[in-house]
């Protein structure tokens, strides 16, 4: 299921609307993609990404999480063979059935996921701090920065430039 697009999943799952006795079983090796399969698993696991093997019941979905290591035929020789055959990323997906790092996209998903969480924003820093709110670069190697810098005595004493919600374009060397 993790290899299907979200559009495919929407089309398939709409069949379940027809009757209340139609259910959906979703099974897949995780690719790391943060699509519908990931969302289903996350909901069923109570918002926790990595869980021990077992059955988890969310408000909507039930998750059966069992990596290959729980198979009765699993042993140190099997593990050694598969560790030789797979990259660490493939091991996480194929053997451990973990989403791990997303295998598609530009940005490290761990950082993206962390940025979506609540955090404490320090309004008045006691030190000179540049706050970069967004950084992007394009094919022409132009960097775009949206910066905010709090004007404070420390910055003035140290002759530091002050930015206040400034959008800058800089040519990458």
Protein backbone atom coordinates (compact mmCIF):
# COMPACT_ATOMS: atom_id res chain seq x y z
CA UNK A 1 0.00 0.00 0.00
CA UNK A 2 2.88 2.41 0.69
CA UNK A 3 3.81 2.16 -3.00
CA UNK A 4 0.40 3.50 -4.08
CA UNK A 5 -0.17 7.22 -4.50
CA UNK A 6 -2.58 8.96 -2.14
CA UNK A 7 -4.89 9.42 -5.16
CA UNK A 8 -4.91 5.65 -5.73
CA UNK A 9 -5.78 5.09 -2.08
CA UNK A 10 -8.62 7.64 -2.26
CA UNK A 11 -10.09 5.85 -5.29
CA UNK A 12 -9.80 2.41 -3.71
CA UNK A 13 -11.07 3.42 -0.28
CA UNK A 14 -14.14 5.15 -1.71
CA UNK A 15 -15.54 1.65 -2.33
CA UNK A 16 -15.89 1.29 1.46
CA UNK A 17 -18.44 4.12 1.47
CA UNK A 18 -20.96 1.96 -0.40
CA UNK A 19 -21.83 -0.31 2.54
CA UNK A 20 -20.99 -0.39 6.24
CA UNK A 21 -19.81 -4.03 6.05
CA UNK A 22 -16.96 -3.18 3.65
CA UNK A 23 -13.62 -2.72 5.39
CA UNK A 24 -10.12 -1.97 4.20
CA UNK A 25 -7.00 -3.98 5.02
CA UNK A 26 -3.80 -2.07 4.30
CA UNK A 27 -0.56 -4.01 4.24
CA UNK A 28 2.85 -2.88 3.00
CA UNK A 29 6.54 -2.69 3.55
CA UNK A 30 7.06 0.91 4.69
CA UNK A 31 8.97 3.06 2.20
CA UNK A 32 9.41 5.95 4.56
CA UNK A 33 6.98 8.07 2.53
CA UNK A 34 4.72 10.15 4.74
CA UNK A 35 1.54 9.33 2.84
CA UNK A 36 -1.77 7.69 3.70
CA UNK A 37 -0.26 4.36 4.85
CA UNK A 38 1.99 6.24 7.27
CA UNK A 39 -1.01 8.24 8.52
CA UNK A 40 -3.05 5.06 9.03
CA UNK A 41 -0.23 3.45 11.02
CA UNK A 42 0.39 6.58 13.06
CA UNK A 43 -3.31 6.86 13.96
CA UNK A 44 -3.52 3.20 14.95
CA UNK A 45 -0.37 3.47 17.05
CA UNK A 46 -1.64 6.46 19.00
CA UNK A 47 0.68 8.94 17.27
CA UNK A 48 3.84 6.95 18.07
CA UNK A 49 6.05 6.22 15.04
CA UNK A 50 8.15 3.32 16.36
CA UNK A 51 6.50 0.75 18.62
CA UNK A 52 7.41 -2.74 19.86
CA UNK A 53 5.89 -5.70 17.97
CA UNK A 54 2.21 -6.18 18.72
CA UNK A 55 -1.34 -5.13 17.98
CA UNK A 56 -2.34 -1.47 18.43
CA UNK A 57 -5.85 -0.06 18.39
CA UNK A 58 -6.42 3.57 17.46
CA UNK A 59 -9.75 5.35 17.28
CA UNK A 60 -10.13 4.33 13.62
CA UNK A 61 -7.44 1.84 12.65
CA UNK A 62 -5.97 -1.33 14.12
CA UNK A 63 -2.27 -1.86 13.46
CA UNK A 64 -0.56 -5.25 13.48
CA UNK A 65 3.15 -4.48 13.68
CA UNK A 66 5.44 -7.49 13.35
CA UNK A 67 8.93 -7.12 11.86
CA UNK A 68 10.68 -10.08 10.23
CA UNK A 69 12.70 -10.61 13.41
CA UNK A 70 9.66 -12.19 15.12
CA UNK A 71 9.48 -15.03 12.58
CA UNK A 72 10.15 -18.45 14.14
CA UNK A 73 12.83 -19.09 11.51
CA UNK A 74 14.73 -15.90 12.38
CA UNK A 75 18.20 -16.46 13.81
CA UNK A 76 21.67 -14.87 13.87
CA UNK A 77 22.63 -16.45 10.53
CA UNK A 78 19.54 -15.07 8.81
CA UNK A 79 20.22 -11.66 10.33
CA UNK A 80 23.87 -11.74 9.22
CA UNK A 81 22.84 -12.69 5.65
CA UNK A 82 20.26 -9.92 5.36
CA UNK A 83 22.53 -7.31 6.91
CA UNK A 84 25.10 -8.15 4.21
CA UNK A 85 22.48 -7.88 1.46
CA UNK A 86 20.73 -4.68 2.52
CA UNK A 87 21.74 -1.10 3.19
CA UNK A 88 20.90 0.23 6.66
CA UNK A 89 17.95 2.10 5.19
CA UNK A 90 16.66 -1.00 3.37
CA UNK A 91 17.13 -3.02 6.60
CA UNK A 92 14.90 -0.56 8.48
CA UNK A 93 12.18 -0.77 5.82
CA UNK A 94 12.33 -4.40 4.67
CA UNK A 95 13.28 -6.29 7.85
CA UNK A 96 12.30 -4.05 10.74
CA UNK A 97 9.16 -2.70 8.97
CA UNK A 98 9.96 0.79 10.22
CA UNK A 99 9.26 3.93 8.24
CA UNK A 100 12.70 5.33 9.08
CA UNK A 101 13.88 8.20 6.95
CA UNK A 102 11.77 9.06 3.95
CA UNK A 103 13.34 7.60 0.82
CA UNK A 104 11.92 10.25 -1.49
CA UNK A 105 12.20 14.02 -1.23
CA UNK A 106 14.89 16.59 -0.61
CA UNK A 107 14.67 17.24 3.12
CA UNK A 108 15.45 14.94 6.03
CA UNK A 109 11.99 13.92 7.24
CA UNK A 110 13.14 13.70 10.85
CA UNK A 111 13.76 17.46 10.80
CA UNK A 112 10.48 18.14 8.98
CA UNK A 113 8.55 16.03 11.49
CA UNK A 114 10.26 17.79 14.41
CA UNK A 115 9.43 21.21 12.95
CA UNK A 116 5.71 20.33 12.98
CA UNK A 117 5.69 19.86 16.75
CA UNK A 118 5.00 22.53 19.33
CA UNK A 119 8.07 24.27 20.66
CA UNK A 120 8.93 27.19 22.88
CA UNK A 121 9.75 30.32 20.89
CA UNK A 122 12.11 32.61 22.78
CA UNK A 123 10.81 36.14 22.22
CA UNK A 124 13.61 38.04 23.95
CA UNK A 125 16.89 36.21 23.56
CA UNK A 126 19.57 37.15 26.08
CA UNK A 127 22.19 36.77 23.33
CA UNK A 128 22.65 37.95 19.76
CA UNK A 129 20.77 35.37 17.75
CA UNK A 130 19.94 35.28 14.07
CA UNK A 131 16.67 33.50 13.46
CA UNK A 132 16.40 31.96 10.04
CA UNK A 133 12.76 31.25 9.37
CA UNK A 134 13.10 29.80 5.90
CA UNK A 135 15.92 28.89 3.55
CA UNK A 136 15.56 27.78 -0.04
CA UNK A 137 17.75 27.54 -3.12
CA UNK A 138 16.84 26.99 -6.72
CA UNK A 139 18.38 25.78 -9.99
CA UNK A 140 20.03 29.17 -10.57
CA UNK A 141 21.77 28.75 -7.20
CA UNK A 142 19.92 31.71 -5.69
CA UNK A 143 19.47 31.37 -1.93
CA UNK A 144 16.36 32.91 -0.44
CA UNK A 145 16.36 33.72 3.26
CA UNK A 146 13.57 35.02 5.41
CA UNK A 147 15.29 36.24 8.54
CA UNK A 148 14.25 37.88 11.74
CA UNK A 149 16.76 39.33 14.16
CA UNK A 150 15.76 40.87 17.45
CA UNK A 151 17.34 44.28 17.97
CA UNK A 152 19.06 44.23 21.31
CA UNK A 153 21.88 45.94 23.19
CA UNK A 154 24.32 43.06 22.63
CA UNK A 155 23.85 43.30 18.85
CA UNK A 156 24.29 47.10 18.85
CA UNK A 157 27.46 46.93 20.97
CA UNK A 158 28.96 44.31 18.67
CA UNK A 159 28.07 46.21 15.49
CA UNK A 160 25.84 43.42 14.23
CA UNK A 161 23.36 44.04 11.40
CA UNK A 162 19.71 44.00 12.39
CA UNK A 163 17.09 42.25 10.28
CA UNK A 164 13.40 42.37 10.87
CA UNK A 165 11.40 40.02 8.63
CA UNK A 166 13.61 40.64 5.63
CA UNK A 167 13.50 38.58 2.44
CA UNK A 168 16.91 38.41 0.77
CA UNK A 169 18.13 36.77 -2.42
CA UNK A 170 21.79 35.81 -2.44
CA UNK A 171 23.76 34.23 -5.29
CA UNK A 172 25.35 30.97 -4.14
CA UNK A 173 29.14 30.97 -4.78
